[in-house]
Amino acid sequence: MVHYRKMTPEDVEAVHQIELASFPTPWTLDSFHYEMRENNFAYYIVAENDEGRIIGFCGMWLVIDSAQITNVAVHEAARGLGIGEGLMKEAMRIARTRDVDVMSLEVRVSNFVAQNLYRKLGFQDGGIRKGYYTDNQEDALVMWVNLNE
């Protein structure tokens, strides 16, 4: 069983470990501390297993009537179990409770697994950000969804 809840400052270390294992240019530990303590727009969700271990997370910035997904990652051993989908559904649910109309994100043009998940959740292609990813200059596909439909 997976449980989803709001991330707390005490979760930063575990979330950062997942971040390090998931991305070629991961956010720093200090970045996550900043998000938890100082960024009033930030809202993060963690996925926990039955033992209380964090196995995934999703971050977003809630600004007026829009939400920007900042990062989503699942521990390697827990991938393919629907946890990413659960995190995104929870983020969408939270955004709706905050009267958010549109949610958007960027995803690598080569990350077809993530793109398929986002499309399953109703996201549409919105455009390309050329050279968005600094590790290899890969383009990002911008995707968005209207949360009121």
C-alpha atoms as a PDB file:
ATOM      1  CA  MET A   1       0.000   0.000   0.000  1.00  0.00           C
ATOM      2  CA  VAL A   2       1.274   3.476  -0.878  1.00  0.00           C
ATOM      3  CA  HIS A   3       0.329   6.561   1.122  1.00  0.00           C
ATOM      4  CA  TYR A   4       0.575  10.106  -0.215  1.00  0.00           C
ATOM      5  CA  ARG A   5       1.086  13.109   2.048  1.00  0.00           C
ATOM      6  CA  LYS A   6       2.498  16.619   2.092  1.00  0.00           C
ATOM      7  CA  MET A   7       6.274  16.709   2.313  1.00  0.00           C
ATOM      8  CA  THR A   8       7.864  18.156   5.452  1.00  0.00           C
ATOM      9  CA  PRO A   9      11.386  19.505   6.091  1.00  0.00           C
ATOM     10  CA  GLU A  10      12.196  16.194   7.780  1.00  0.00           C
ATOM     11  CA  ASP A  11      11.683  14.433   4.431  1.00  0.00           C
ATOM     12  CA  VAL A  12      14.302  16.454   2.550  1.00  0.00           C
ATOM     13  CA  GLU A  13      17.188  13.988   2.952  1.00  0.00           C
ATOM     14  CA  ALA A  14      15.176  11.018   1.667  1.00  0.00           C
ATOM     15  CA  VAL A  15      13.715  13.026  -1.211  1.00  0.00           C
ATOM     16  CA  HIS A  16      17.160  14.285  -2.168  1.00  0.00           C
ATOM     17  CA  GLN A  17      18.489  10.722  -2.335  1.00  0.00           C
ATOM     18  CA  ILE A  18      15.748   9.840  -4.849  1.00  0.00           C
ATOM     19  CA  GLU A  19      16.535  13.039  -6.784  1.00  0.00           C
ATOM     20  CA  LEU A  20      20.245  12.153  -6.954  1.00  0.00           C
ATOM     21  CA  ALA A  21      19.484   8.688  -8.308  1.00  0.00           C
ATOM     22  CA  SER A  22      16.922   9.926 -10.841  1.00  0.00           C
ATOM     23  CA  PHE A  23      18.332  12.927 -12.695  1.00  0.00           C
ATOM     24  CA  PRO A  24      21.599  13.733 -14.502  1.00  0.00           C
ATOM     25  CA  THR A  25      21.549  17.281 -13.067  1.00  0.00           C
ATOM     26  CA  PRO A  26      19.798  16.863  -9.711  1.00  0.00           C
ATOM     27  CA  TRP A  27      18.653  19.652  -7.473  1.00  0.00           C
ATOM     28  CA  THR A  28      20.899  20.303  -4.484  1.00  0.00           C
ATOM     29  CA  LEU A  29      20.011  19.471  -0.918  1.00  0.00           C
ATOM     30  CA  ASP A  30      19.926  23.207  -0.221  1.00  0.00           C
ATOM     31  CA  SER A  31      17.369  23.664  -3.024  1.00  0.00           C
ATOM     32  CA  PHE A  32      14.978  21.269  -1.308  1.00  0.00           C
ATOM     33  CA  HIS A  33      15.524  22.955   2.059  1.00  0.00           C
ATOM     34  CA  TYR A  34      14.717  26.287   0.403  1.00  0.00           C
ATOM     35  CA  GLU A  35      11.555  24.851  -1.152  1.00  0.00           C
ATOM     36  CA  MET A  36      10.361  23.574   2.230  1.00  0.00           C
ATOM     37  CA  ARG A  37      11.260  26.571   4.360  1.00  0.00           C
ATOM     38  CA  GLU A  38      11.222  29.690   2.202  1.00  0.00           C
ATOM     39  CA  ASN A  39       9.309  29.225  -1.062  1.00  0.00           C
ATOM     40  CA  ASN A  40       5.701  30.082  -0.259  1.00  0.00           C
ATOM     41  CA  PHE A  41       4.615  28.867  -3.712  1.00  0.00           C
ATOM     42  CA  ALA A  42       6.102  25.378  -3.283  1.00  0.00           C
ATOM     43  CA  TYR A  43       3.983  22.339  -2.460  1.00  0.00           C
ATOM     44  CA  TYR A  44       5.558  18.883  -2.407  1.00  0.00           C
ATOM     45  CA  ILE A  45       3.971  15.471  -2.035  1.00  0.00           C
ATOM     46  CA  VAL A  46       5.736  12.281  -0.980  1.00  0.00           C
ATOM     47  CA  ALA A  47       4.760   8.672  -1.515  1.00  0.00           C
ATOM     48  CA  GLU A  48       5.456   6.342   1.402  1.00  0.00           C
ATOM     49  CA  ASN A  49       5.350   2.564   1.538  1.00  0.00           C
ATOM     50  CA  ASP A  50       3.860   0.600   4.439  1.00  0.00           C
ATOM     51  CA  GLU A  51       7.152   0.812   6.338  1.00  0.00           C
ATOM     52  CA  GLY A  52       7.040   4.621   6.183  1.00  0.00           C
ATOM     53  CA  ARG A  53       9.894   4.811   3.681  1.00  0.00           C
ATOM     54  CA  ILE A  54       9.668   7.573   1.078  1.00  0.00           C
ATOM     55  CA  ILE A  55       9.636   5.994  -2.368  1.00  0.00           C
ATOM     56  CA  GLY A  56       8.717   8.972  -4.529  1.00  0.00           C
ATOM     57  CA  PHE A  57       7.921  12.656  -4.613  1.00  0.00           C
ATOM     58  CA  CYS A  58       6.312  15.353  -6.725  1.00  0.00           C
ATOM     59  CA  GLY A  59       6.883  19.082  -6.420  1.00  0.00           C
ATOM     60  CA  MET A  60       4.897  21.969  -7.793  1.00  0.00           C
ATOM     61  CA  TRP A  61       4.678  25.715  -7.546  1.00  0.00           C
ATOM     62  CA  LEU A  62       1.177  27.064  -7.024  1.00  0.00           C
ATOM     63  CA  VAL A  63       0.969  30.636  -8.297  1.00  0.00           C
ATOM     64  CA  ILE A  64      -2.466  32.278  -8.416  1.00  0.00           C
ATOM     65  CA  ASP A  65      -4.477  30.036 -10.788  1.00  0.00           C
ATOM     66  CA  SER A  66      -1.667  27.934 -12.248  1.00  0.00           C
ATOM     67  CA  ALA A  67       0.554  25.095 -11.110  1.00  0.00           C
ATOM     68  CA  GLN A  68       3.995  24.284 -12.477  1.00  0.00           C
ATOM     69  CA  ILE A  69       5.296  20.780 -11.793  1.00  0.00           C
ATOM     70  CA  THR A  70       8.944  21.173 -10.777  1.00  0.00           C
ATOM     71  CA  ASN A  71      10.014  17.551 -10.454  1.00  0.00           C
ATOM     72  CA  VAL A  72       8.613  14.052 -10.126  1.00  0.00           C
ATOM     73  CA  ALA A  73      10.708  11.029  -9.235  1.00  0.00           C
ATOM     74  CA  VAL A  74      10.200   7.503  -7.961  1.00  0.00           C
ATOM     75  CA  HIS A  75      12.812   5.324  -6.279  1.00  0.00           C
ATOM     76  CA  GLU A  76      14.286   2.945  -8.836  1.00  0.00           C
ATOM     77  CA  ALA A  77      13.092  -0.157  -6.973  1.00  0.00           C
ATOM     78  CA  ALA A  78       9.503   1.150  -6.957  1.00  0.00           C
ATOM     79  CA  ARG A  79       9.203   2.203 -10.600  1.00  0.00           C
ATOM     80  CA  GLY A  80       6.524   0.670 -12.785  1.00  0.00           C
ATOM     81  CA  LEU A  81       4.071   0.283  -9.900  1.00  0.00           C
ATOM     82  CA  GLY A  82       1.897   3.322 -10.628  1.00  0.00           C
ATOM     83  CA  ILE A  83       3.489   5.528  -7.980  1.00  0.00           C
ATOM     84  CA  GLY A  84       4.352   8.297 -10.444  1.00  0.00           C
ATOM     85  CA  GLU A  85       0.755   8.286 -11.613  1.00  0.00           C
ATOM     86  CA  GLY A  86      -0.457   8.395  -8.015  1.00  0.00           C
ATOM     87  CA  LEU A  87       1.809  11.343  -7.248  1.00  0.00           C
ATOM     88  CA  MET A  88       0.582  13.247 -10.293  1.00  0.00           C
ATOM     89  CA  LYS A  89      -3.075  12.526  -9.487  1.00  0.00           C
ATOM     90  CA  GLU A  90      -2.529  13.761  -5.936  1.00  0.00           C
ATOM     91  CA  ALA A  91      -0.804  16.919  -7.229  1.00  0.00           C
ATOM     92  CA  MET A  92      -3.733  17.535  -9.573  1.00  0.00           C
ATOM     93  CA  ARG A  93      -6.195  16.986  -6.721  1.00  0.00           C
ATOM     94  CA  ILE A  94      -4.356  19.430  -4.444  1.00  0.00           C
ATOM     95  CA  ALA A  95      -4.135  21.998  -7.251  1.00  0.00           C
ATOM     96  CA  ARG A  96      -7.889  21.787  -7.828  1.00  0.00           C
ATOM     97  CA  THR A  97      -8.539  22.446  -4.117  1.00  0.00           C
ATOM     98  CA  ARG A  98      -6.471  25.629  -4.534  1.00  0.00           C
ATOM     99  CA  ASP A  99      -8.633  26.788  -7.479  1.00  0.00           C
ATOM    100  CA  VAL A 100      -5.859  26.178 -10.000  1.00  0.00           C
ATOM    101  CA  ASP A 101      -7.049  26.204 -13.614  1.00  0.00           C
ATOM    102  CA  VAL A 102      -3.957  25.041 -15.523  1.00  0.00           C
ATOM    103  CA  MET A 103      -1.071  22.741 -14.644  1.00  0.00           C
ATOM    104  CA  SER A 104       2.062  22.594 -16.770  1.00  0.00           C
ATOM    105  CA  LEU A 105       5.418  20.846 -16.848  1.00  0.00           C
ATOM    106  CA  GLU A 106       8.482  20.234 -18.984  1.00  0.00           C
ATOM    107  CA  VAL A 107       9.628  16.755 -19.931  1.00  0.00           C
ATOM    108  CA  ARG A 108      12.569  15.572 -22.010  1.00  0.00           C
ATOM    109  CA  VAL A 109      11.574  14.976 -25.621  1.00  0.00           C
ATOM    110  CA  SER A 110      13.176  11.509 -25.288  1.00  0.00           C
ATOM    111  CA  ASN A 111      11.214  10.535 -22.139  1.00  0.00           C
ATOM    112  CA  PHE A 112       8.327   8.720 -23.797  1.00  0.00           C
ATOM    113  CA  VAL A 113       7.358   6.831 -20.620  1.00  0.00           C
ATOM    114  CA  ALA A 114       6.687  10.084 -18.754  1.00  0.00           C
ATOM    115  CA  GLN A 115       5.003  11.684 -21.764  1.00  0.00           C
ATOM    116  CA  ASN A 116       2.633   8.723 -22.042  1.00  0.00           C
ATOM    117  CA  LEU A 117       1.744   9.013 -18.350  1.00  0.00           C
ATOM    118  CA  TYR A 118       1.053  12.726 -18.668  1.00  0.00           C
ATOM    119  CA  ARG A 119      -1.110  12.193 -21.754  1.00  0.00           C
ATOM    120  CA  LYS A 120      -3.037   9.486 -19.880  1.00  0.00           C
ATOM    121  CA  LEU A 121      -3.761  12.131 -17.231  1.00  0.00           C
ATOM    122  CA  GLY A 122      -5.065  14.572 -19.844  1.00  0.00           C
ATOM    123  CA  PHE A 123      -1.963  16.656 -20.531  1.00  0.00           C
ATOM    124  CA  GLN A 124      -1.541  18.059 -24.034  1.00  0.00           C
ATOM    125  CA  ASP A 125       1.569  19.111 -25.929  1.00  0.00           C
ATOM    126  CA  GLY A 126       2.123  22.841 -25.673  1.00  0.00           C
ATOM    127  CA  GLY A 127       5.434  23.503 -27.382  1.00  0.00           C
ATOM    128  CA  ILE A 128       9.178  22.909 -27.303  1.00  0.00           C
ATOM    129  CA  ARG A 129      11.816  24.639 -25.173  1.00  0.00           C
ATOM    130  CA  LYS A 130      15.031  24.325 -27.208  1.00  0.00           C
ATOM    131  CA  GLY A 131      18.133  23.215 -25.299  1.00  0.00           C
ATOM    132  CA  TYR A 132      16.261  23.271 -21.979  1.00  0.00           C
ATOM    133  CA  TYR A 133      18.280  20.548 -20.229  1.00  0.00           C
ATOM    134  CA  THR A 134      21.758  21.739 -19.320  1.00  0.00           C
ATOM    135  CA  ASP A 135      23.400  18.309 -19.115  1.00  0.00           C
ATOM    136  CA  ASN A 136      23.034  17.558 -22.843  1.00  0.00           C
ATOM    137  CA  GLN A 137      21.107  20.514 -24.321  1.00  0.00           C
ATOM    138  CA  GLU A 138      18.113  18.246 -24.965  1.00  0.00           C
ATOM    139  CA  ASP A 139      14.867  19.974 -25.805  1.00  0.00           C
ATOM    140  CA  ALA A 140      11.927  19.925 -23.394  1.00  0.00           C
ATOM    141  CA  LEU A 141       8.362  19.264 -24.402  1.00  0.00           C
ATOM    142  CA  VAL A 142       6.027  21.633 -22.546  1.00  0.00           C
ATOM    143  CA  MET A 143       2.800  19.895 -21.572  1.00  0.00           C
ATOM    144  CA  TRP A 144      -0.293  21.321 -19.902  1.00  0.00           C
ATOM    145  CA  VAL A 145      -3.724  20.317 -18.700  1.00  0.00           C
ATOM    146  CA  ASN A 146      -6.856  22.293 -17.915  1.00  0.00           C
ATOM    147  CA  LEU A 147      -7.896  21.076 -14.458  1.00  0.00           C
ATOM    148  CA  ASN A 148     -11.495  22.264 -14.860  1.00  0.00           C
ATOM    149  CA  GLU A 149     -12.435  19.950 -17.712  1.00  0.00           C
END
